[in-house]
């Protein structure tokens, strides 16, 4: 079983979060997959962004604000 570190992008409203996760690669048919901790981490970031709790989201991921370039 090997782990590869990746960045998952989560978009919620006007924010985008870069969440560091580890993809687990193995010989079974479900490979690659996230650990349960990383899946919960992604969920926690998404919930924090929905609630507008940027301080909590910033503890778990890098947060960016999106703004339109043209209308």
Protein backbone atom coordinates (compact mmCIF):
# COMPACT_ATOMS: atom_id res chain seq x y z
CA UNK A 1 0.00 0.00 0.00
CA UNK A 2 1.42 3.38 -1.06
CA UNK A 3 0.29 6.91 -0.28
CA UNK A 4 0.53 9.80 -2.71
CA UNK A 5 -0.01 13.32 -1.50
CA UNK A 6 -2.42 15.38 -3.58
CA UNK A 7 -4.31 18.65 -3.35
CA UNK A 8 -8.09 18.51 -3.65
CA UNK A 9 -9.88 21.70 -4.69
CA UNK A 10 -13.18 22.39 -2.97
CA UNK A 11 -15.36 25.20 -4.30
CA UNK A 12 -18.07 26.58 -2.06
CA UNK A 13 -19.75 29.83 -3.04
CA UNK A 14 -17.14 32.52 -3.63
CA UNK A 15 -14.36 30.51 -1.97
CA UNK A 16 -12.00 27.78 -3.10
CA UNK A 17 -10.06 25.63 -0.66
CA UNK A 18 -6.89 23.64 -1.33
CA UNK A 19 -7.01 20.61 0.95
CA UNK A 20 -3.91 18.42 1.32
CA UNK A 21 -4.88 14.74 1.26
CA UNK A 22 -3.16 11.41 0.77
CA UNK A 23 -4.48 9.03 -1.87
CA UNK A 24 -3.99 5.42 -0.83
CA UNK A 25 -3.01 3.07 -3.65
CA UNK A 26 -3.34 -0.66 -3.22
CA UNK A 27 -3.98 -3.73 -5.35
CA UNK A 28 -7.72 -3.86 -4.75
CA UNK A 29 -10.40 -2.56 -7.11
CA UNK A 30 -11.19 0.52 -4.97
CA UNK A 31 -7.76 2.03 -5.44
CA UNK A 32 -6.93 4.92 -5.22
CA UNK A 33 -9.04 6.14 -2.31
CA UNK A 34 -8.97 8.62 0.58
CA UNK A 35 -8.55 7.71 4.21
CA UNK A 36 -11.59 8.33 6.37
CA UNK A 37 -9.73 11.15 8.13
CA UNK A 38 -9.06 12.95 4.85
CA UNK A 39 -12.67 12.48 3.73
CA UNK A 40 -13.87 14.03 7.00
CA UNK A 41 -11.33 16.84 6.60
CA UNK A 42 -12.78 17.70 3.17
CA UNK A 43 -16.29 17.63 4.64
CA UNK A 44 -15.25 19.86 7.54
CA UNK A 45 -13.73 22.42 5.16
CA UNK A 46 -16.87 22.42 3.00
CA UNK A 47 -19.16 22.88 6.01
CA UNK A 48 -16.99 25.67 7.45
CA UNK A 49 -17.07 27.54 4.12
CA UNK A 50 -20.85 27.15 3.86
CA UNK A 51 -21.25 28.59 7.35
CA UNK A 52 -18.84 31.43 6.63
CA UNK A 53 -16.41 30.22 9.32
CA UNK A 54 -13.19 31.17 7.52
CA UNK A 55 -11.00 30.85 10.60
CA UNK A 56 -11.90 27.16 10.97
CA UNK A 57 -11.52 26.55 7.23
CA UNK A 58 -8.08 28.22 7.29
CA UNK A 59 -6.94 25.80 9.98
CA UNK A 60 -7.64 22.85 7.67
CA UNK A 61 -6.85 24.23 4.19
CA UNK A 62 -5.60 27.16 2.15
CA UNK A 63 -8.55 29.41 1.28
CA UNK A 64 -8.91 31.66 -1.75
CA UNK A 65 -11.62 34.14 -2.61
CA UNK A 66 -13.03 34.16 -6.14
CA UNK A 67 -14.01 37.35 -7.91
CA UNK A 68 -15.43 37.71 -11.43
CA UNK A 69 -13.26 39.38 -14.07
CA UNK A 70 -16.14 40.33 -16.36
CA UNK A 71 -19.88 40.50 -15.95
